[in-house]
Protein backbone atom coordinates (compact mmCIF):
# COMPACT_ATOMS: atom_id res chain seq x y z
CA MET A 1 -52.63 -27.42 52.68
CA GLY A 2 -56.29 -27.61 51.15
CA LEU A 3 -57.45 -25.29 54.48
CA GLY A 4 -54.38 -22.93 53.22
CA VAL A 5 -56.14 -22.66 49.42
CA SER A 6 -59.51 -22.73 50.34
CA LEU A 7 -59.28 -19.36 52.89
CA GLY A 8 -56.51 -17.97 50.34
CA PRO A 9 -58.98 -15.71 48.14
CA LEU A 10 -61.12 -14.78 51.36
CA LEU A 11 -57.85 -13.46 52.92
CA VAL A 12 -57.47 -11.07 50.45
CA PHE A 13 -60.36 -9.01 51.52
CA LEU A 14 -59.78 -9.90 55.46
CA PRO A 15 -57.73 -6.92 57.41
CA SER A 16 -54.44 -8.22 59.01
CA HIS A 17 -55.91 -8.55 62.60
CA ARG A 18 -58.80 -10.30 61.71
CA ILE A 19 -56.91 -12.73 59.78
CA ILE A 20 -54.44 -13.40 63.10
CA ALA A 21 -57.84 -13.88 64.94
CA LEU A 22 -59.31 -16.56 62.65
CA ILE A 23 -56.55 -18.57 62.44
CA VAL A 24 -55.51 -18.77 66.14
CA THR A 25 -59.52 -19.71 66.88
CA MET A 26 -58.90 -22.60 63.90
CA LEU A 27 -55.91 -23.84 65.90
CA LEU A 28 -57.76 -23.85 69.32
CA ARG A 29 -60.23 -25.11 67.93
CA PHE A 30 -57.54 -27.89 66.33
CA SER A 31 -55.89 -28.01 70.18
CA HIS A 32 -59.05 -28.86 71.62
CA SER A 33 -59.99 -31.78 69.32
CA LEU A 34 -56.58 -33.56 70.59
CA THR A 35 -58.67 -34.73 73.43
CA GLY A 36 -61.67 -36.04 71.31
CA GLY A 37 -63.96 -35.03 74.55
CA LEU A 38 -63.04 -37.38 76.93
CA ILE A 39 -62.72 -37.52 80.72
CA LEU A 40 -59.45 -37.92 81.72
CA PRO A 41 -57.30 -37.93 85.08
CA ALA A 42 -56.19 -34.84 85.84
CA LYS A 43 -52.93 -35.68 85.84
CA VAL A 44 -53.59 -36.52 82.61
CA ARG A 45 -55.38 -33.46 81.39
CA LYS A 46 -52.29 -31.00 82.75
CA ARG A 47 -49.42 -32.32 80.73
CA ARG A 48 -51.76 -32.23 77.72
CA ARG A 49 -52.73 -28.75 78.92
CA TRP A 50 -49.04 -28.05 78.80
CA LEU A 51 -48.77 -29.75 75.27
CA ARG A 52 -51.06 -28.13 73.76
CA ARG A 53 -50.21 -24.25 74.91
CA ILE A 54 -46.58 -25.80 73.38
CA LEU A 55 -48.47 -26.41 70.22
CA ILE A 56 -50.57 -23.14 70.15
CA VAL A 57 -47.26 -21.09 70.33
CA LEU A 58 -45.69 -22.68 67.68
CA PHE A 59 -48.77 -22.66 65.01
CA ILE A 60 -49.33 -19.18 65.62
CA LEU A 61 -45.53 -18.25 65.19
CA ILE A 62 -45.85 -20.40 62.17
CA ALA A 63 -49.01 -18.38 61.22
CA LEU A 64 -47.03 -14.91 61.39
CA GLY A 65 -44.62 -16.10 59.50
CA VAL A 66 -46.87 -17.49 56.40
CA LEU A 67 -49.20 -14.14 56.81
CA GLY A 68 -46.26 -11.80 56.73
CA HIS A 69 -44.77 -13.71 53.55
CA PHE A 70 -48.45 -13.71 52.15
CA LEU A 71 -48.60 -9.73 52.99
CA ASN A 72 -45.46 -9.19 51.41
CA VAL A 73 -45.81 -11.34 48.01
CA HIS A 74 -49.43 -10.16 47.22
CA PHE A 75 -49.13 -6.50 48.81
CA GLY A 76 -45.51 -5.69 48.15
CA PHE A 77 -45.05 -4.54 52.19
CA THR A 78 -40.80 -4.42 52.49
CA SER A 79 -38.95 -3.16 55.68
CA GLY A 80 -38.06 0.51 54.97
CA ASP A 81 -40.02 2.17 52.50
CA GLU A 82 -43.24 1.11 51.79
CA GLY A 83 -43.44 0.19 47.83
CA ALA A 84 -39.70 0.74 47.20
CA LEU A 85 -37.65 -1.57 44.90
CA ASP A 86 -34.06 -2.09 44.93
CA TYR A 87 -32.31 -3.14 41.47
CA ASP A 88 -29.01 -3.99 40.46
CA VAL A 89 -26.27 -1.21 40.74
CA THR A 90 -22.66 -0.71 39.36
CA LYS A 91 -20.31 2.14 40.24
CA VAL A 92 -18.63 4.38 37.82
CA GLU A 93 -15.17 3.51 37.92
CA ARG A 94 -12.27 4.56 35.77
CA GLY A 95 -10.19 1.41 33.54
CA ASP A 96 -9.41 0.27 30.73
CA ILE A 97 -11.14 -0.20 27.05
CA THR A 98 -10.14 -1.84 24.10
CA SER A 99 -12.22 -1.90 21.02
CA ARG A 100 -11.97 -4.65 18.78
CA LEU A 101 -12.88 -6.13 15.32
CA THR A 102 -13.39 -9.37 14.77
CA GLU A 103 -12.83 -11.37 11.12
CA THR A 104 -11.95 -14.30 10.20
CA GLY A 105 -9.16 -14.87 8.00
CA GLU A 106 -6.98 -17.76 6.32
CA THR A 107 -2.99 -18.13 6.22
CA TYR A 108 -1.10 -17.96 3.03
CA LEU A 109 2.73 -17.62 2.37
CA GLU A 110 4.24 -14.09 1.46
CA ASN A 111 7.11 -15.72 -0.43
CA THR A 112 6.56 -18.69 -3.04
CA VAL A 113 8.86 -19.70 -5.69
CA ASP A 114 8.15 -21.91 -8.94
CA VAL A 115 10.86 -24.13 -10.03
CA MET A 116 11.29 -24.75 -14.07
CA SER A 117 13.97 -26.76 -15.69
CA LYS A 118 16.22 -25.01 -18.27
CA VAL A 119 16.22 -27.69 -20.65
CA SER A 120 12.88 -29.18 -21.97
CA GLY A 121 12.88 -33.23 -21.95
CA THR A 122 11.73 -36.03 -19.68
CA ILE A 123 11.83 -36.18 -15.68
CA THR A 124 13.94 -39.12 -15.05
CA GLN A 125 13.60 -38.52 -11.11
CA THR A 126 12.43 -36.68 -8.32
CA ASP A 127 13.52 -36.43 -5.04
CA VAL A 128 11.62 -34.54 -2.79
CA GLU A 129 8.37 -34.57 -1.99
CA GLU A 130 5.33 -32.25 -0.38
CA GLY A 131 6.07 -31.45 2.72
CA ASP A 132 9.58 -31.97 2.62
CA GLU A 133 12.15 -28.98 3.42
CA VAL A 134 14.88 -27.98 1.47
CA LYS A 135 18.24 -26.10 1.18
CA LYS A 136 18.97 -23.79 -1.62
CA GLY A 137 20.85 -25.50 -4.46
CA GLN A 138 19.33 -29.11 -3.41
CA ILE A 139 18.68 -31.70 -6.23
CA LEU A 140 15.06 -31.98 -6.70
CA ALA A 141 14.85 -33.79 -9.74
CA VAL A 142 16.53 -34.90 -12.93
CA VAL A 143 15.71 -34.28 -16.72
CA GLN A 144 17.32 -36.30 -19.95
CA PRO A 145 17.13 -33.08 -22.34
CA ASP A 146 15.48 -33.60 -26.18
CA ASN A 147 16.70 -33.22 -29.32
CA THR A 148 15.48 -29.93 -29.42
CA GLU A 149 17.69 -28.81 -26.73
CA LEU A 150 20.79 -30.21 -28.91
CA LEU A 151 19.16 -27.91 -32.10
CA ARG A 152 19.26 -25.11 -29.58
CA LEU A 153 22.91 -25.89 -28.63
CA TYR A 154 24.02 -25.69 -31.92
CA GLY A 155 21.79 -23.20 -32.76
CA LYS A 156 23.53 -20.43 -30.80
CA ARG A 157 27.47 -22.29 -31.86
CA ALA A 158 26.24 -20.75 -35.13
CA GLN A 159 25.49 -17.39 -34.18
CA VAL A 160 28.71 -17.21 -32.32
CA ALA A 161 30.21 -18.50 -35.49
CA ASN A 162 28.79 -15.75 -37.56
CA ALA A 163 29.44 -13.26 -35.57
CA TYR A 164 33.00 -14.05 -35.06
CA ILE A 165 32.93 -14.30 -38.57
CA THR A 166 31.33 -10.54 -39.06
CA MET A 167 34.11 -9.32 -36.21
CA VAL A 168 37.48 -10.69 -38.33
CA GLN A 169 35.77 -9.34 -41.76
CA ALA A 170 34.97 -5.85 -40.21
CA GLN A 171 38.74 -5.77 -38.77
CA ASP A 172 39.78 -6.51 -42.08
CA ASP A 173 38.27 -3.97 -43.72
CA LEU A 174 39.87 -1.44 -41.37
CA VAL A 175 42.89 -2.32 -41.66
CA HIS A 176 42.41 -2.37 -45.74
CA GLN A 177 40.86 1.04 -45.03
CA LYS A 178 43.63 2.08 -43.41
CA HIS A 179 46.16 1.17 -45.76
CA LEU A 180 44.39 3.13 -48.44
CA PHE A 181 44.21 6.00 -46.82
CA ASP A 182 47.97 6.47 -45.93
CA LYS A 183 48.78 5.07 -49.36
CA VAL A 184 46.36 7.67 -51.02
CA ARG A 185 45.72 10.74 -49.16
CA GLY A 186 42.96 11.77 -51.21
CA THR A 187 40.73 8.83 -49.37
CA SER A 188 38.09 10.11 -47.30
CA TRP A 189 38.96 9.70 -43.58
CA ASP A 190 35.01 9.06 -42.65
CA ASN A 191 35.32 5.73 -44.36
CA VAL A 192 38.12 5.08 -41.78
CA LEU A 193 36.30 6.08 -38.83
CA ARG A 194 33.04 4.06 -40.18
CA ASN A 195 35.20 0.68 -40.56
CA ASP A 196 35.95 1.34 -37.12
CA ARG A 197 32.70 1.70 -35.54
CA GLY A 198 31.81 -1.32 -37.26
CA LEU A 199 34.79 -3.21 -35.82
CA ALA A 200 33.30 -2.29 -32.60
CA MET A 201 29.71 -3.44 -32.93
CA ALA A 202 31.08 -6.96 -34.17
CA LYS A 203 33.12 -7.24 -30.99
CA THR A 204 30.72 -6.37 -28.95
CA ASN A 205 27.73 -8.91 -31.06
CA PHE A 206 30.62 -11.60 -30.86
CA ARG A 207 31.05 -11.32 -26.65
CA LEU A 208 27.23 -11.60 -26.58
CA ALA A 209 26.35 -14.03 -28.77
CA LEU A 210 29.66 -15.98 -27.08
CA MET A 211 28.32 -15.49 -23.35
CA GLU A 212 24.66 -16.64 -24.33
CA LEU A 213 26.01 -19.73 -25.41
CA HIS A 214 28.34 -20.44 -22.53
CA ILE A 215 24.75 -19.68 -20.52
CA LEU A 216 23.18 -22.82 -21.85
CA GLU A 217 26.44 -24.74 -22.18
CA SER A 218 26.14 -23.95 -18.32
CA ASP A 219 22.35 -24.42 -17.84
CA MET A 220 23.23 -27.81 -20.07
CA GLU A 221 25.57 -28.71 -17.69
CA ILE A 222 28.34 -29.43 -20.19
CA ARG A 223 31.31 -28.42 -17.98
CA ASP A 224 33.99 -27.72 -20.46
CA GLY A 225 32.22 -26.70 -23.65
CA MET A 226 33.32 -24.65 -26.70
CA ALA A 227 32.27 -20.82 -25.80
CA ALA A 228 34.55 -21.52 -22.07
CA GLN A 229 37.43 -23.43 -24.63
CA VAL A 230 36.79 -20.04 -26.85
CA MET A 231 36.77 -17.28 -23.93
CA ARG A 232 39.97 -18.78 -22.26
CA ALA A 233 41.29 -18.30 -25.89
CA LEU A 234 40.12 -14.96 -26.05
CA LYS A 235 41.52 -13.80 -22.62
CA SER A 236 45.06 -15.53 -22.69
CA GLY A 237 46.06 -16.71 -26.07
CA THR A 238 47.37 -15.94 -29.44
CA GLU A 239 44.81 -14.67 -32.38
CA ALA A 240 46.20 -18.18 -33.93
CA GLN A 241 44.84 -19.80 -31.20
CA VAL A 242 41.39 -18.16 -31.00
CA ARG A 243 41.54 -19.07 -34.57
CA ARG A 244 42.27 -22.62 -34.20
CA THR A 245 39.41 -23.21 -31.26
CA MET A 246 36.80 -21.47 -33.51
CA ASP A 247 37.18 -23.80 -36.16
CA ARG A 248 36.65 -26.31 -33.90
CA LEU A 249 33.42 -24.81 -32.94
CA LEU A 250 32.67 -24.54 -36.28
CA ASP A 251 33.55 -28.69 -37.14
CA VAL A 252 30.40 -30.02 -36.29
CA SER A 253 30.83 -32.67 -39.45
CA ALA A 254 28.82 -36.18 -38.46
CA ALA A 255 31.76 -38.34 -40.01
CA ASN A 256 34.15 -37.55 -37.77
CA GLY A 257 32.38 -36.64 -34.92
CA LYS A 258 34.41 -33.23 -34.03
CA GLY A 259 32.45 -30.78 -32.09
CA PHE A 260 29.44 -33.51 -31.38
CA VAL A 261 28.27 -33.54 -27.70
CA LYS A 262 25.81 -36.07 -25.84
CA LEU A 263 23.70 -33.88 -23.61
CA ALA A 264 24.24 -35.32 -20.57
CA ASP A 265 21.34 -35.72 -18.00
CA VAL A 266 20.25 -31.78 -16.30
CA ARG A 267 19.83 -31.99 -12.71
CA VAL A 268 16.99 -28.99 -11.39
CA LEU A 269 18.29 -27.54 -8.03
CA ALA A 270 16.20 -25.47 -5.72
CA PRO A 271 16.72 -21.68 -5.80
CA SER A 272 16.33 -21.64 -2.23
CA GLY A 273 15.47 -22.90 1.26
CA GLY A 274 11.96 -23.45 1.73
CA VAL A 275 9.96 -26.19 2.31
CA VAL A 276 7.76 -28.04 -0.83
CA ILE A 277 4.42 -26.55 -1.77
CA HIS A 278 3.36 -28.35 -4.64
CA LYS A 279 5.09 -30.92 -6.62
CA ASP A 280 3.59 -30.96 -9.96
CA VAL A 281 5.57 -33.53 -11.81
CA GLU A 282 6.58 -37.04 -11.65
CA PRO A 283 8.99 -39.30 -13.04
CA GLY A 284 8.38 -40.40 -16.92
CA GLU A 285 6.88 -36.56 -17.61
CA MET A 286 7.33 -34.27 -20.02
CA VAL A 287 7.91 -30.89 -19.48
CA ILE A 288 8.99 -27.54 -21.27
CA SER A 289 11.81 -25.13 -20.54
CA GLY A 290 11.56 -22.23 -18.68
CA THR A 291 13.35 -19.96 -21.35
CA ALA A 292 10.81 -20.84 -23.81
CA ALA A 293 10.17 -18.03 -25.91
CA LEU A 294 6.66 -19.07 -26.96
CA ASN A 295 5.72 -20.98 -24.36
CA LYS A 296 5.63 -20.25 -20.51
CA GLY A 297 6.92 -23.38 -19.19
CA THR A 298 6.33 -26.26 -17.08
CA VAL A 299 6.41 -25.50 -13.35
CA LEU A 300 7.81 -28.85 -11.66
CA PHE A 301 7.89 -27.76 -7.60
CA THR A 302 6.22 -24.61 -5.64
CA ILE A 303 8.71 -23.57 -2.76
CA GLY A 304 7.16 -21.56 0.13
CA ASP A 305 9.37 -19.74 3.25
CA LEU A 306 7.01 -20.76 5.82
CA HIS A 307 8.72 -17.99 8.32
CA SER A 308 7.12 -15.85 5.75
CA MET A 309 3.15 -16.64 6.39
CA PHE A 310 0.56 -13.68 6.42
CA ILE A 311 -3.17 -13.99 6.88
CA SER A 312 -5.68 -12.42 4.13
CA CYS A 313 -8.92 -11.48 5.53
CA ASN A 314 -11.88 -8.89 4.05
CA VAL A 315 -13.63 -6.55 5.82
CA SER A 316 -16.78 -4.55 5.06
CA GLU A 317 -16.84 -0.76 3.85
CA VAL A 318 -18.75 -0.22 6.95
CA ASP A 319 -15.41 -1.54 9.28
CA THR A 320 -13.12 -0.02 6.75
CA ALA A 321 -12.36 3.76 8.15
CA LYS A 322 -11.54 2.16 11.62
CA LEU A 323 -8.37 -0.11 10.00
CA GLN A 324 -4.71 1.74 9.47
CA VAL A 325 -1.65 0.31 8.57
CA GLY A 326 0.08 -0.86 11.87
CA GLN A 327 -2.67 -1.84 13.70
CA HIS A 328 -1.98 -4.44 16.48
CA VAL A 329 -4.17 -7.70 15.83
CA ASN A 330 -4.64 -11.04 17.92
CA VAL A 331 -4.80 -14.14 15.82
CA THR A 332 -6.23 -17.63 17.26
CA PHE A 333 -6.12 -20.22 14.96
CA GLU A 334 -9.39 -22.73 14.96
CA ALA A 335 -7.22 -25.87 14.86
CA PHE A 336 -5.64 -24.70 18.06
CA PRO A 337 -7.91 -22.94 20.10
CA ASP A 338 -5.62 -22.17 22.84
CA GLU A 339 -2.37 -20.87 20.80
CA SER A 340 -2.63 -16.99 20.31
CA ILE A 341 -0.02 -14.83 18.27
CA THR A 342 0.22 -11.76 17.67
CA GLY A 343 0.61 -9.53 14.22
CA LYS A 344 0.24 -6.03 12.58
CA ILE A 345 -2.19 -4.73 9.61
CA ILE A 346 0.26 -4.59 6.72
CA TRP A 347 -2.15 -3.10 3.71
CA VAL A 348 -5.22 -2.22 3.40
CA SER A 349 -6.69 -2.68 -0.43
CA PRO A 350 -7.88 0.38 -1.82
CA VAL A 351 -10.20 -1.38 -4.15
CA GLY A 352 -13.02 -2.37 -2.48
CA THR A 353 -14.71 -5.77 -4.07
CA LYS A 354 -18.39 -7.19 -4.12
CA PRO A 355 -18.96 -11.28 -3.86
CA GLN A 356 -21.18 -12.96 -5.93
CA GLY A 357 -24.69 -13.41 -4.76
CA SER A 358 -23.99 -10.30 -2.19
CA SER A 359 -24.89 -7.22 -1.63
CA ILE A 360 -21.95 -6.07 0.99
CA ILE A 361 -18.51 -4.62 -0.34
CA TYR A 362 -15.19 -6.12 1.32
CA PHE A 363 -12.22 -4.45 1.03
CA PRO A 364 -8.80 -7.14 1.15
CA VAL A 365 -6.49 -6.74 4.13
CA LYS A 366 -2.61 -8.48 4.87
CA ILE A 367 -1.72 -9.51 8.17
CA ARG A 368 2.17 -9.94 9.01
CA LEU A 369 2.60 -12.14 12.21
CA ASP A 370 5.44 -10.70 14.68
CA LYS A 371 7.16 -14.09 14.41
CA SER A 372 7.01 -17.39 12.84
CA CYS A 373 4.29 -19.58 13.77
CA GLN A 374 5.63 -23.56 13.95
CA PHE A 375 1.77 -24.80 14.00
CA ALA A 376 0.76 -22.48 11.15
CA ARG A 377 0.29 -23.72 7.82
CA PRO A 378 -0.41 -22.26 4.56
CA GLY A 379 -4.42 -22.40 4.09
CA MET A 380 -5.87 -22.83 8.06
CA SER A 381 -8.47 -20.98 9.42
CA CYS A 382 -8.43 -18.28 12.02
CA ASP A 383 -10.05 -16.04 14.24
CA ILE A 384 -8.30 -12.50 14.23
CA ASP A 385 -9.40 -9.44 16.81
CA ILE A 386 -8.34 -6.16 15.27
CA ILE A 387 -7.42 -3.57 17.75
CA THR A 388 -8.50 -0.64 17.04
CA SER A 389 -8.49 1.70 19.83
CA GLU A 390 -7.10 1.66 23.23
CA LYS A 391 -7.98 3.93 26.37
CA LYS A 392 -6.46 3.73 29.88
CA SER A 393 -7.83 4.58 33.12
CA VAL A 394 -10.75 6.41 31.31
CA LEU A 395 -14.24 7.29 33.34
CA ARG A 396 -16.25 4.20 32.35
CA VAL A 397 -19.97 1.96 32.64
CA LEU A 398 -20.84 -1.17 31.84
CA LEU A 399 -22.38 -0.62 28.20
CA GLU A 400 -26.16 -2.48 29.64
CA SER A 401 -26.45 0.51 31.60
CA VAL A 402 -26.61 2.74 29.09
CA ALA A 403 -29.90 3.65 26.70
CA THR A 404 -30.45 5.31 23.31
CA GLY A 405 -33.47 8.12 23.51
CA GLU A 406 -34.20 11.17 21.20
CA ARG A 407 -33.94 14.54 22.01
CA THR A 408 -37.29 16.40 22.38
CA ASP A 409 -35.74 19.81 20.81
CA ASP A 410 -36.14 20.25 16.97
CA THR A 411 -32.87 18.38 15.92
CA MET A 412 -34.33 15.08 16.96
CA LYS A 413 -30.61 13.60 17.60
CA GLU A 414 -29.73 10.37 19.15
CA THR A 415 -29.05 10.71 22.90
CA LYS A 416 -27.34 8.80 25.72
CA TYR A 417 -28.76 8.24 29.49
CA VAL A 418 -28.45 6.49 32.28
CA TYR A 419 -30.36 5.61 35.71
CA VAL A 420 -28.67 7.29 38.24
CA LYS A 421 -28.78 5.38 42.05
CA THR A 422 -29.53 9.03 44.36
CA GLY A 423 -31.01 7.69 48.30
CA ASP A 424 -33.98 5.47 47.41
CA THR A 425 -35.11 6.61 44.21
CA TYR A 426 -33.46 6.55 40.69
CA GLN A 427 -32.85 9.54 38.54
CA LYS A 428 -33.23 9.38 34.77
CA ARG A 429 -29.33 11.78 33.69
CA GLU A 430 -28.07 12.32 30.31
CA VAL A 431 -24.77 11.27 29.35
CA LYS A 432 -22.17 11.52 27.05
CA ILE A 433 -20.49 8.61 25.85
CA GLY A 434 -17.01 7.94 23.60
CA VAL A 435 -15.81 4.43 22.59
CA SER A 436 -17.42 1.43 23.66
CA ASN A 437 -16.66 -2.35 23.39
CA GLU A 438 -19.01 -5.56 23.92
CA LYS A 439 -18.63 -4.52 27.97
CA PHE A 440 -17.98 -0.96 28.28
CA ALA A 441 -18.86 2.36 27.07
CA GLU A 442 -16.61 5.66 27.73
CA VAL A 443 -18.21 8.37 30.00
CA LEU A 444 -17.30 11.92 28.64
CA SER A 445 -19.58 13.64 30.71
CA GLY A 446 -22.50 13.63 32.94
CA LEU A 447 -21.45 11.14 35.47
CA LYS A 448 -18.63 11.22 38.37
CA GLU A 449 -16.52 8.31 39.66
CA GLY A 450 -18.02 6.75 42.23
CA GLU A 451 -22.01 7.30 41.34
CA GLU A 452 -24.13 4.30 40.81
CA VAL A 453 -26.16 3.49 38.15
CA VAL A 454 -28.47 0.92 36.89
CA THR A 455 -26.78 -2.17 35.83
CA ASP A 456 -29.51 -3.40 33.81
CA ILE A 457 -31.17 -0.55 32.67
CA ASP A 458 -33.84 -2.62 30.36
CA ALA A 459 -35.01 -4.81 33.26
CA TYR A 460 -35.35 -1.44 35.27
CA GLU A 461 -37.65 0.19 32.71
CA ASP A 462 -40.03 -2.74 32.14
CA ALA A 463 -40.14 -2.64 35.87
CA GLN A 464 -41.37 0.22 35.52
CA LYS A 465 -44.38 0.36 33.35
CA GLU A 466 -44.91 -3.28 35.27
CA LYS A 467 -45.84 -0.98 38.26
CA GLU A 468 -47.26 1.91 36.46
CA GLY A 469 -49.68 -0.84 34.94
CA GLU A 470 -50.47 -2.55 38.94
CA LYS A 471 -51.46 1.28 39.88
CA GLY A 472 -54.11 1.70 37.20
CA SER A 473 -55.69 -1.62 38.25
CA THR A 474 -55.87 -0.79 42.09
CA ASP A 475 -59.88 -0.43 41.62
CA GLU A 476 -60.39 -4.49 40.94
CA GLY A 477 -59.12 -5.31 44.54
CA LYS A 478 -55.84 -7.12 42.92
CA LYS A 479 -52.56 -6.34 41.92
CA LYS A 480 -49.60 -8.08 39.70
CA GLN A 481 -47.39 -10.23 41.96
CA LYS A 482 -43.43 -8.45 41.03
CA PRO A 483 -40.22 -10.25 41.74
CA ARG A 484 -38.32 -8.65 44.28
CA ARG A 485 -34.38 -7.52 42.85
CA ARG A 486 -31.95 -7.94 45.24
CA ARG A 487 -29.48 -4.43 45.57
CA HIS A 488 -25.77 -5.77 43.73
CA VAL A 489 -22.85 -3.70 43.48
CA ARG A 490 -20.24 -4.40 40.82
CA LEU A 491 -16.83 -3.49 41.44
């Protein structure tokens, strides 16, 4: 080992035949030293001579191998074209190119319903929890109405009574005007028509007030309320029956209790089927009616439909031009990386937003899944691959084989080029590129199917610069070591 190291600098400046002669001489001296200068019997000397010859042949073969490797490494000698290097190349072929835009998003429910009580009062019980699946009409909670609801009920009854009295008075006025017209011909017919219109309006107001009372009594779950009784009398009874029913409605004397109603607990029912997303009340809490005029009302529950889920994401203004409603999307949830579902873009915001502390403008995008996802939940994070373009059976080349340069003409526009293998040389050629993705680029012109181009164009250009630098340093008697690349064709 030490001998090889000491002879290394000397061998650089010696011709190859002198190097071989020097190695053979040293080996002969080494084999001669095996005898140790002793006088041996003829039989032993003969055996030693054959052993020495075998060792000499082996050492010569080893020396030639070492010498060949030494010359190849330090002088760049190869079999065939001297000084030439082979690089990885790939064939220009036809295939599919799919361009994608990758974003992150979050899942939301498209249809949600806020459930409120129709009456104000106190929550006495709740029958569901968050995450429970409910059906339409299922009982969610029970509310005990307070005194304000009782006042609202009797206030609405009073409106019905006033409307009824107005209607009866208008009816009497019309009869009186007709009697005067028949008795005194000079009476204006306009008075009769005026009273006729007044009676019609009074009837309309009475029926509207009666309907409002009926709705209120239904909300309070008063099964056989006064409104229902009056409506039945109007439909099938006589005028006398209607008057008696209205008298009962007006009789709210506390002394005998006629017409007084004790409000029962009111049930809060699910307006639609789905899953309880939020529960905002507990037993004992006070709630305000959702029909209150001056207050929005208390939200008791929020119900959502898991089958109507969508995904929202924000896309930068640079990539917004690539988006269109109807584009296909592949979605992968971070919680389930092995599961992938598809969807489509259903909406792209026409107005961009700039997050606080950011200089980039983003446009909100909504994506609807093609089918319901059993494992997806509202608020989950997901990775989104938006397919912006798809090309089938086009001429393509590896993206790493294409480099960007500048034209030498007056336009100074950027141009794309590759290095095409022609025999044992590589020719620089300008190409026109179409769509591309993270792996392939579409070739519009400049290449033909089956041609071979350098795979890693950056490595090739770096090697060429290194080679030019070595040529400039030949006067120093040393050359830089350059690794040899194996040719590899990717199909």
